[in-house]
mmCIF file of all heavy atoms, coordinates in Angstrom:
data_MODEL
# 
_entry.id   MODEL 
# 
loop_
_atom_site.group_PDB 
_atom_site.id 
_atom_site.type_symbol 
_atom_site.label_atom_id 
_atom_site.label_alt_id 
_atom_site.label_comp_id 
_atom_site.label_asym_id 
_atom_site.label_entity_id 
_atom_site.label_seq_id 
_atom_site.pdbx_PDB_ins_code 
_atom_site.Cartn_x 
_atom_site.Cartn_y 
_atom_site.Cartn_z 
_atom_site.occupancy 
_atom_site.B_iso_or_equiv 
_atom_site.pdbx_formal_charge 
_atom_site.auth_seq_id 
_atom_site.auth_comp_id 
_atom_site.auth_asym_id 
_atom_site.auth_atom_id 
_atom_site.pdbx_PDB_model_num 
ATOM 1   N N   . GLY A 1 1  ? 3.810   -68.407 1.854   1.00 0.00 ? 1  GLY A N   1 
ATOM 2   C CA  . GLY A 1 1  ? 3.114   -69.127 0.792   1.00 0.00 ? 1  GLY A CA  1 
ATOM 3   C C   . GLY A 1 1  ? 1.889   -68.424 0.247   1.00 0.00 ? 1  GLY A C   1 
ATOM 4   O O   . GLY A 1 1  ? 0.964   -69.070 -0.239  1.00 0.00 ? 1  GLY A O   1 
ATOM 5   N N   . ARG A 1 2  ? 1.862   -67.121 0.324   1.00 0.00 ? 2  ARG A N   1 
ATOM 6   C CA  . ARG A 1 2  ? 0.686   -66.381 -0.098  1.00 0.00 ? 2  ARG A CA  1 
ATOM 7   C C   . ARG A 1 2  ? 0.403   -66.606 -1.601  1.00 0.00 ? 2  ARG A C   1 
ATOM 8   O O   . ARG A 1 2  ? 1.316   -66.600 -2.402  1.00 0.00 ? 2  ARG A O   1 
ATOM 9   C CB  . ARG A 1 2  ? 0.875   -64.891 0.147   1.00 0.00 ? 2  ARG A CB  1 
ATOM 10  C CG  . ARG A 1 2  ? -0.329  -64.075 -0.287  1.00 0.00 ? 2  ARG A CG  1 
ATOM 11  C CD  . ARG A 1 2  ? -0.179  -62.609 0.043   1.00 0.00 ? 2  ARG A CD  1 
ATOM 12  N NE  . ARG A 1 2  ? -1.294  -61.864 -0.542  1.00 0.00 ? 2  ARG A NE  1 
ATOM 13  C CZ  . ARG A 1 2  ? -1.417  -60.547 -0.484  1.00 0.00 ? 2  ARG A CZ  1 
ATOM 14  N NH1 . ARG A 1 2  ? -0.527  -59.840 0.144   1.00 0.00 ? 2  ARG A NH1 1 
ATOM 15  N NH2 . ARG A 1 2  ? -2.421  -59.938 -1.046  1.00 0.00 ? 2  ARG A NH2 1 
ATOM 16  N N   . GLN A 1 3  ? -0.861  -66.801 -1.905  1.00 0.00 ? 3  GLN A N   1 
ATOM 17  C CA  . GLN A 1 3  ? -1.258  -66.984 -3.287  1.00 0.00 ? 3  GLN A CA  1 
ATOM 18  C C   . GLN A 1 3  ? -1.533  -65.646 -3.957  1.00 0.00 ? 3  GLN A C   1 
ATOM 19  O O   . GLN A 1 3  ? -1.550  -64.597 -3.321  1.00 0.00 ? 3  GLN A O   1 
ATOM 20  C CB  . GLN A 1 3  ? -2.559  -67.830 -3.352  1.00 0.00 ? 3  GLN A CB  1 
ATOM 21  C CG  . GLN A 1 3  ? -2.454  -69.181 -2.675  1.00 0.00 ? 3  GLN A CG  1 
ATOM 22  C CD  . GLN A 1 3  ? -3.733  -69.963 -2.801  1.00 0.00 ? 3  GLN A CD  1 
ATOM 23  O OE1 . GLN A 1 3  ? -4.421  -69.835 -3.811  1.00 0.00 ? 3  GLN A OE1 1 
ATOM 24  N NE2 . GLN A 1 3  ? -4.058  -70.752 -1.803  1.00 0.00 ? 3  GLN A NE2 1 
ATOM 25  N N   . THR A 1 4  ? -1.745  -65.705 -5.272  1.00 0.00 ? 4  THR A N   1 
ATOM 26  C CA  . THR A 1 4  ? -2.190  -64.543 -6.007  1.00 0.00 ? 4  THR A CA  1 
ATOM 27  C C   . THR A 1 4  ? -3.582  -64.130 -5.516  1.00 0.00 ? 4  THR A C   1 
ATOM 28  O O   . THR A 1 4  ? -4.409  -64.977 -5.270  1.00 0.00 ? 4  THR A O   1 
ATOM 29  C CB  . THR A 1 4  ? -2.227  -64.830 -7.508  1.00 0.00 ? 4  THR A CB  1 
ATOM 30  O OG1 . THR A 1 4  ? -0.968  -65.247 -7.967  1.00 0.00 ? 4  THR A OG1 1 
ATOM 31  C CG2 . THR A 1 4  ? -2.669  -63.609 -8.312  1.00 0.00 ? 4  THR A CG2 1 
ATOM 32  N N   . SER A 1 5  ? -3.801  -62.815 -5.361  1.00 0.00 ? 5  SER A N   1 
ATOM 33  C CA  . SER A 1 5  ? -5.116  -62.333 -5.023  1.00 0.00 ? 5  SER A CA  1 
ATOM 34  C C   . SER A 1 5  ? -5.582  -61.395 -6.121  1.00 0.00 ? 5  SER A C   1 
ATOM 35  O O   . SER A 1 5  ? -4.786  -60.937 -6.955  1.00 0.00 ? 5  SER A O   1 
ATOM 36  C CB  . SER A 1 5  ? -5.100  -61.590 -3.658  1.00 0.00 ? 5  SER A CB  1 
ATOM 37  O OG  . SER A 1 5  ? -4.231  -60.484 -3.699  1.00 0.00 ? 5  SER A OG  1 
ATOM 38  N N   . TYR A 1 6  ? -6.892  -61.077 -6.100  1.00 0.00 ? 6  TYR A N   1 
ATOM 39  C CA  . TYR A 1 6  ? -7.486  -60.315 -7.198  1.00 0.00 ? 6  TYR A CA  1 
ATOM 40  C C   . TYR A 1 6  ? -8.366  -59.195 -6.653  1.00 0.00 ? 6  TYR A C   1 
ATOM 41  O O   . TYR A 1 6  ? -9.071  -59.381 -5.644  1.00 0.00 ? 6  TYR A O   1 
ATOM 42  C CB  . TYR A 1 6  ? -8.331  -61.223 -8.118  1.00 0.00 ? 6  TYR A CB  1 
ATOM 43  C CG  . TYR A 1 6  ? -7.503  -62.307 -8.779  1.00 0.00 ? 6  TYR A CG  1 
ATOM 44  C CD1 . TYR A 1 6  ? -7.329  -63.536 -8.148  1.00 0.00 ? 6  TYR A CD1 1 
ATOM 45  C CD2 . TYR A 1 6  ? -6.894  -62.088 -10.018 1.00 0.00 ? 6  TYR A CD2 1 
ATOM 46  C CE1 . TYR A 1 6  ? -6.556  -64.530 -8.745  1.00 0.00 ? 6  TYR A CE1 1 
ATOM 47  C CE2 . TYR A 1 6  ? -6.134  -63.079 -10.625 1.00 0.00 ? 6  TYR A CE2 1 
ATOM 48  C CZ  . TYR A 1 6  ? -5.969  -64.291 -9.966  1.00 0.00 ? 6  TYR A CZ  1 
ATOM 49  O OH  . TYR A 1 6  ? -5.188  -65.269 -10.549 1.00 0.00 ? 6  TYR A OH  1 
ATOM 50  N N   . GLU A 1 7  ? -8.322  -58.042 -7.315  1.00 0.00 ? 7  GLU A N   1 
ATOM 51  C CA  . GLU A 1 7  ? -9.186  -56.920 -6.967  1.00 0.00 ? 7  GLU A CA  1 
ATOM 52  C C   . GLU A 1 7  ? -9.842  -56.391 -8.227  1.00 0.00 ? 7  GLU A C   1 
ATOM 53  O O   . GLU A 1 7  ? -9.336  -56.583 -9.352  1.00 0.00 ? 7  GLU A O   1 
ATOM 54  C CB  . GLU A 1 7  ? -8.383  -55.818 -6.299  1.00 0.00 ? 7  GLU A CB  1 
ATOM 55  C CG  . GLU A 1 7  ? -7.812  -56.218 -4.928  1.00 0.00 ? 7  GLU A CG  1 
ATOM 56  C CD  . GLU A 1 7  ? -7.056  -55.083 -4.260  1.00 0.00 ? 7  GLU A CD  1 
ATOM 57  O OE1 . GLU A 1 7  ? -7.162  -53.914 -4.740  1.00 0.00 ? 7  GLU A OE1 1 
ATOM 58  O OE2 . GLU A 1 7  ? -6.371  -55.334 -3.275  1.00 0.00 ? 7  GLU A OE2 1 
ATOM 59  N N   . TRP A 1 8  ? -10.969 -55.659 -8.034  1.00 0.00 ? 8  TRP A N   1 
ATOM 60  C CA  . TRP A 1 8  ? -11.692 -55.071 -9.130  1.00 0.00 ? 8  TRP A CA  1 
ATOM 61  C C   . TRP A 1 8  ? -11.942 -53.594 -8.805  1.00 0.00 ? 8  TRP A C   1 
ATOM 62  O O   . TRP A 1 8  ? -12.361 -53.282 -7.695  1.00 0.00 ? 8  TRP A O   1 
ATOM 63  C CB  . TRP A 1 8  ? -13.012 -55.779 -9.353  1.00 0.00 ? 8  TRP A CB  1 
ATOM 64  C CG  . TRP A 1 8  ? -12.891 -57.150 -9.905  1.00 0.00 ? 8  TRP A CG  1 
ATOM 65  C CD1 . TRP A 1 8  ? -13.014 -57.532 -11.223 1.00 0.00 ? 8  TRP A CD1 1 
ATOM 66  C CD2 . TRP A 1 8  ? -12.633 -58.362 -9.176  1.00 0.00 ? 8  TRP A CD2 1 
ATOM 67  N NE1 . TRP A 1 8  ? -12.815 -58.902 -11.328 1.00 0.00 ? 8  TRP A NE1 1 
ATOM 68  C CE2 . TRP A 1 8  ? -12.583 -59.448 -10.112 1.00 0.00 ? 8  TRP A CE2 1 
ATOM 69  C CE3 . TRP A 1 8  ? -12.420 -58.656 -7.811  1.00 0.00 ? 8  TRP A CE3 1 
ATOM 70  C CZ2 . TRP A 1 8  ? -12.340 -60.761 -9.737  1.00 0.00 ? 8  TRP A CZ2 1 
ATOM 71  C CZ3 . TRP A 1 8  ? -12.154 -59.966 -7.427  1.00 0.00 ? 8  TRP A CZ3 1 
ATOM 72  C CH2 . TRP A 1 8  ? -12.132 -61.006 -8.392  1.00 0.00 ? 8  TRP A CH2 1 
ATOM 73  N N   . ARG A 1 9  ? -11.700 -52.690 -9.738  1.00 0.00 ? 9  ARG A N   1 
ATOM 74  C CA  . ARG A 1 9  ? -11.939 -51.270 -9.545  1.00 0.00 ? 9  ARG A CA  1 
ATOM 75  C C   . ARG A 1 9  ? -13.441 -50.950 -9.712  1.00 0.00 ? 9  ARG A C   1 
ATOM 76  O O   . ARG A 1 9  ? -14.092 -51.504 -10.604 1.00 0.00 ? 9  ARG A O   1 
ATOM 77  C CB  . ARG A 1 9  ? -11.133 -50.448 -10.544 1.00 0.00 ? 9  ARG A CB  1 
ATOM 78  C CG  . ARG A 1 9  ? -9.647  -50.474 -10.303 1.00 0.00 ? 9  ARG A CG  1 
ATOM 79  C CD  . ARG A 1 9  ? -9.272  -49.513 -9.200  1.00 0.00 ? 9  ARG A CD  1 
ATOM 80  N NE  . ARG A 1 9  ? -7.813  -49.427 -9.036  1.00 0.00 ? 9  ARG A NE  1 
ATOM 81  C CZ  . ARG A 1 9  ? -7.138  -49.957 -8.020  1.00 0.00 ? 9  ARG A CZ  1 
ATOM 82  N NH1 . ARG A 1 9  ? -7.801  -50.573 -7.049  1.00 0.00 ? 9  ARG A NH1 1 
ATOM 83  N NH2 . ARG A 1 9  ? -5.837  -49.825 -7.934  1.00 0.00 ? 9  ARG A NH2 1 
ATOM 84  N N   . HIS A 1 10 ? -13.913 -49.990 -8.882  1.00 0.00 ? 10 HIS A N   1 
ATOM 85  C CA  . HIS A 1 10 ? -15.289 -49.506 -8.984  1.00 0.00 ? 10 HIS A CA  1 
ATOM 86  C C   . HIS A 1 10 ? -15.290 -47.994 -8.756  1.00 0.00 ? 10 HIS A C   1 
ATOM 87  O O   . HIS A 1 10 ? -14.919 -47.527 -7.667  1.00 0.00 ? 10 HIS A O   1 
ATOM 88  C CB  . HIS A 1 10 ? -16.197 -50.206 -7.965  1.00 0.00 ? 10 HIS A CB  1 
ATOM 89  C CG  . HIS A 1 10 ? -16.257 -51.672 -8.130  1.00 0.00 ? 10 HIS A CG  1 
ATOM 90  N ND1 . HIS A 1 10 ? -16.803 -52.279 -9.245  1.00 0.00 ? 10 HIS A ND1 1 
ATOM 91  C CD2 . HIS A 1 10 ? -15.812 -52.680 -7.335  1.00 0.00 ? 10 HIS A CD2 1 
ATOM 92  C CE1 . HIS A 1 10 ? -16.725 -53.594 -9.123  1.00 0.00 ? 10 HIS A CE1 1 
ATOM 93  N NE2 . HIS A 1 10 ? -16.121 -53.881 -7.972  1.00 0.00 ? 10 HIS A NE2 1 
ATOM 94  N N   . GLY A 1 11 ? -15.692 -47.227 -9.780  1.00 0.00 ? 11 GLY A N   1 
ATOM 95  C CA  . GLY A 1 11 ? -15.794 -45.776 -9.644  1.00 0.00 ? 11 GLY A CA  1 
ATOM 96  C C   . GLY A 1 11 ? -17.075 -45.397 -8.903  1.00 0.00 ? 11 GLY A C   1 
ATOM 97  O O   . GLY A 1 11 ? -18.012 -46.169 -8.798  1.00 0.00 ? 11 GLY A O   1 
ATOM 98  N N   . LEU A 1 12 ? -17.110 -44.145 -8.473  1.00 0.00 ? 12 LEU A N   1 
ATOM 99  C CA  . LEU A 1 12 ? -18.311 -43.641 -7.770  1.00 0.00 ? 12 LEU A CA  1 
ATOM 100 C C   . LEU A 1 12 ? -19.527 -43.597 -8.679  1.00 0.00 ? 12 LEU A C   1 
ATOM 101 O O   . LEU A 1 12 ? -20.652 -43.883 -8.264  1.00 0.00 ? 12 LEU A O   1 
ATOM 102 C CB  . LEU A 1 12 ? -18.067 -42.248 -7.183  1.00 0.00 ? 12 LEU A CB  1 
ATOM 103 C CG  . LEU A 1 12 ? -17.305 -42.178 -5.877  1.00 0.00 ? 12 LEU A CG  1 
ATOM 104 C CD1 . LEU A 1 12 ? -17.091 -40.739 -5.475  1.00 0.00 ? 12 LEU A CD1 1 
ATOM 105 C CD2 . LEU A 1 12 ? -18.025 -42.944 -4.770  1.00 0.00 ? 12 LEU A CD2 1 
ATOM 106 N N   . GLY A 1 13 ? -19.310 -43.270 -9.943  1.00 0.00 ? 13 GLY A N   1 
ATOM 107 C CA  . GLY A 1 13 ? -20.426 -43.292 -10.909 1.00 0.00 ? 13 GLY A CA  1 
ATOM 108 C C   . GLY A 1 13 ? -21.021 -44.664 -11.066 1.00 0.00 ? 13 GLY A C   1 
ATOM 109 O O   . GLY A 1 13 ? -22.248 -44.817 -11.059 1.00 0.00 ? 13 GLY A O   1 
ATOM 110 N N   . GLU A 1 14 ? -20.159 -45.661 -11.222 1.00 0.00 ? 14 GLU A N   1 
ATOM 111 C CA  . GLU A 1 14 ? -20.640 -47.031 -11.351 1.00 0.00 ? 14 GLU A CA  1 
ATOM 112 C C   . GLU A 1 14 ? -21.405 -47.458 -10.103 1.00 0.00 ? 14 GLU A C   1 
ATOM 113 O O   . GLU A 1 14 ? -22.488 -48.070 -10.184 1.00 0.00 ? 14 GLU A O   1 
ATOM 114 C CB  . GLU A 1 14 ? -19.466 -47.975 -11.582 1.00 0.00 ? 14 GLU A CB  1 
ATOM 115 C CG  . GLU A 1 14 ? -19.891 -49.438 -11.736 1.00 0.00 ? 14 GLU A CG  1 
ATOM 116 C CD  . GLU A 1 14 ? -18.754 -50.446 -11.513 1.00 0.00 ? 14 GLU A CD  1 
ATOM 117 O OE1 . GLU A 1 14 ? -17.727 -50.048 -10.954 1.00 0.00 ? 14 GLU A OE1 1 
ATOM 118 O OE2 . GLU A 1 14 ? -18.930 -51.613 -11.904 1.00 0.00 ? 14 GLU A OE2 1 
ATOM 119 N N   . LEU A 1 15 ? -20.858 -47.115 -8.929  1.00 0.00 ? 15 LEU A N   1 
ATOM 120 C CA  . LEU A 1 15 ? -21.481 -47.559 -7.673  1.00 0.00 ? 15 LEU A CA  1 
ATOM 121 C C   . LEU A 1 15 ? -22.856 -46.953 -7.502  1.00 0.00 ? 15 LEU A C   1 
ATOM 122 O O   . LEU A 1 15 ? -23.843 -47.669 -7.231  1.00 0.00 ? 15 LEU A O   1 
ATOM 123 C CB  . LEU A 1 15 ? -20.577 -47.169 -6.499  1.00 0.00 ? 15 LEU A CB  1 
ATOM 124 C CG  . LEU A 1 15 ? -21.110 -47.490 -5.105  1.00 0.00 ? 15 LEU A CG  1 
ATOM 125 C CD1 . LEU A 1 15 ? -21.316 -48.962 -4.937  1.00 0.00 ? 15 LEU A CD1 1 
ATOM 126 C CD2 . LEU A 1 15 ? -20.172 -46.932 -4.043  1.00 0.00 ? 15 LEU A CD2 1 
ATOM 127 N N   . THR A 1 16 ? -22.967 -45.648 -7.643  1.00 0.00 ? 16 THR A N   1 
ATOM 128 C CA  . THR A 1 16 ? -24.282 -44.996 -7.400  1.00 0.00 ? 16 THR A CA  1 
ATOM 129 C C   . THR A 1 16 ? -25.314 -45.403 -8.445  1.00 0.00 ? 16 THR A C   1 
ATOM 130 O O   . THR A 1 16 ? -26.461 -45.640 -8.127  1.00 0.00 ? 16 THR A O   1 
ATOM 131 C CB  . THR A 1 16 ? -24.115 -43.454 -7.422  1.00 0.00 ? 16 THR A CB  1 
ATOM 132 O OG1 . THR A 1 16 ? -23.467 -43.036 -8.626  1.00 0.00 ? 16 THR A OG1 1 
ATOM 133 C CG2 . THR A 1 16 ? -23.280 -42.998 -6.237  1.00 0.00 ? 16 THR A CG2 1 
ATOM 134 N N   . THR A 1 17 ? -24.885 -45.548 -9.696  1.00 0.00 ? 17 THR A N   1 
ATOM 135 C CA  . THR A 1 17 ? -25.818 -45.959 -10.776 1.00 0.00 ? 17 THR A CA  1 
ATOM 136 C C   . THR A 1 17 ? -26.282 -47.381 -10.528 1.00 0.00 ? 17 THR A C   1 
ATOM 137 O O   . THR A 1 17 ? -27.490 -47.699 -10.711 1.00 0.00 ? 17 THR A O   1 
ATOM 138 C CB  . THR A 1 17 ? -25.147 -45.827 -12.136 1.00 0.00 ? 17 THR A CB  1 
ATOM 139 O OG1 . THR A 1 17 ? -24.730 -44.472 -12.349 1.00 0.00 ? 17 THR A OG1 1 
ATOM 140 C CG2 . THR A 1 17 ? -26.095 -46.232 -13.263 1.00 0.00 ? 17 THR A CG2 1 
ATOM 141 N N   . THR A 1 18 ? -25.393 -48.266 -10.100 1.00 0.00 ? 18 THR A N   1 
ATOM 142 C CA  . THR A 1 18 ? -25.752 -49.648 -9.882  1.00 0.00 ? 18 THR A CA  1 
ATOM 143 C C   . THR A 1 18 ? -26.716 -49.779 -8.713  1.00 0.00 ? 18 THR A C   1 
ATOM 144 O O   . THR A 1 18 ? -27.698 -50.554 -8.775  1.00 0.00 ? 18 THR A O   1 
ATOM 145 C CB  . THR A 1 18 ? -24.485 -50.500 -9.616  1.00 0.00 ? 18 THR A CB  1 
ATOM 146 O OG1 . THR A 1 18 ? -23.629 -50.386 -10.729 1.00 0.00 ? 18 THR A OG1 1 
ATOM 147 C CG2 . THR A 1 18 ? -24.864 -51.967 -9.405  1.00 0.00 ? 18 THR A CG2 1 
ATOM 148 N N   . LEU A 1 19 ? -26.479 -49.065 -7.642  1.00 0.00 ? 19 LEU A N   1 
ATOM 149 C CA  . LEU A 1 19 ? -27.406 -49.077 -6.498  1.00 0.00 ? 19 LEU A CA  1 
ATOM 150 C C   . LEU A 1 19 ? -28.766 -48.558 -6.864  1.00 0.00 ? 19 LEU A C   1 
ATOM 151 O O   . LEU A 1 19 ? -29.799 -49.118 -6.474  1.00 0.00 ? 19 LEU A O   1 
ATOM 152 C CB  . LEU A 1 19 ? -26.812 -48.285 -5.330  1.00 0.00 ? 19 LEU A CB  1 
ATOM 153 C CG  . LEU A 1 19 ? -25.569 -48.850 -4.656  1.00 0.00 ? 19 LEU A CG  1 
ATOM 154 C CD1 . LEU A 1 19 ? -25.008 -47.884 -3.647  1.00 0.00 ? 19 LEU A CD1 1 
ATOM 155 C CD2 . LEU A 1 19 ? -25.907 -50.203 -3.967  1.00 0.00 ? 19 LEU A CD2 1 
ATOM 156 N N   . ALA A 1 20 ? -28.826 -47.484 -7.647  1.00 0.00 ? 20 ALA A N   1 
ATOM 157 C CA  . ALA A 1 20 ? -30.099 -46.927 -8.077  1.00 0.00 ? 20 ALA A CA  1 
ATOM 158 C C   . ALA A 1 20 ? -30.842 -47.919 -8.967  1.00 0.00 ? 20 ALA A C   1 
ATOM 159 O O   . ALA A 1 20 ? -32.060 -48.079 -8.838  1.00 0.00 ? 20 ALA A O   1 
ATOM 160 C CB  . ALA A 1 20 ? -29.882 -45.599 -8.817  1.00 0.00 ? 20 ALA A CB  1 
ATOM 161 N N   . ALA A 1 21 ? -30.128 -48.610 -9.846  1.00 0.00 ? 21 ALA A N   1 
ATOM 162 C CA  . ALA A 1 21 ? -30.749 -49.584 -10.722 1.00 0.00 ? 21 ALA A CA  1 
ATOM 163 C C   . ALA A 1 21 ? -31.324 -50.753 -9.954  1.00 0.00 ? 21 ALA A C   1 
ATOM 164 O O   . ALA A 1 21 ? -32.281 -51.402 -10.384 1.00 0.00 ? 21 ALA A O   1 
ATOM 165 C CB  . ALA A 1 21 ? -29.745 -50.075 -11.758 1.00 0.00 ? 21 ALA A CB  1 
ATOM 166 N N   . ALA A 1 22 ? -30.732 -51.063 -8.778  1.00 0.00 ? 22 ALA A N   1 
ATOM 167 C CA  . ALA A 1 22 ? -31.235 -52.153 -7.942  1.00 0.00 ? 22 ALA A CA  1 
ATOM 168 C C   . ALA A 1 22 ? -32.423 -51.714 -7.091  1.00 0.00 ? 22 ALA A C   1 
ATOM 169 O O   . ALA A 1 22 ? -32.955 -52.553 -6.336  1.00 0.00 ? 22 ALA A O   1 
ATOM 170 C CB  . ALA A 1 22 ? -30.092 -52.652 -7.029  1.00 0.00 ? 22 ALA A CB  1 
ATOM 171 N N   . GLY A 1 23 ? -32.821 -50.465 -7.203  1.00 0.00 ? 23 GLY A N   1 
ATOM 172 C CA  . GLY A 1 23 ? -34.009 -50.017 -6.471  1.00 0.00 ? 23 GLY A CA  1 
ATOM 173 C C   . GLY A 1 23 ? -33.712 -49.285 -5.166  1.00 0.00 ? 23 GLY A C   1 
ATOM 174 O O   . GLY A 1 23 ? -34.636 -49.032 -4.389  1.00 0.00 ? 23 GLY A O   1 
ATOM 175 N N   . LEU A 1 24 ? -32.450 -48.957 -4.925  1.00 0.00 ? 24 LEU A N   1 
ATOM 176 C CA  . LEU A 1 24 ? -32.087 -48.199 -3.707  1.00 0.00 ? 24 LEU A CA  1 
ATOM 177 C C   . LEU A 1 24 ? -32.024 -46.711 -4.020  1.00 0.00 ? 24 LEU A C   1 
ATOM 178 O O   . LEU A 1 24 ? -31.549 -46.318 -5.078  1.00 0.00 ? 24 LEU A O   1 
ATOM 179 C CB  . LEU A 1 24 ? -30.759 -48.703 -3.177  1.00 0.00 ? 24 LEU A CB  1 
ATOM 180 C CG  . LEU A 1 24 ? -30.673 -50.178 -2.792  1.00 0.00 ? 24 LEU A CG  1 
ATOM 181 C CD1 . LEU A 1 24 ? -29.294 -50.519 -2.273  1.00 0.00 ? 24 LEU A CD1 1 
ATOM 182 C CD2 . LEU A 1 24 ? -31.744 -50.520 -1.742  1.00 0.00 ? 24 LEU A CD2 1 
# 
């Protein structure tokens, strides 16, 4: 009875830029 699941893609550029913008 497994339901639909969802995932979201995240590139390395997005990840590093987002962390830097958060002050890390």
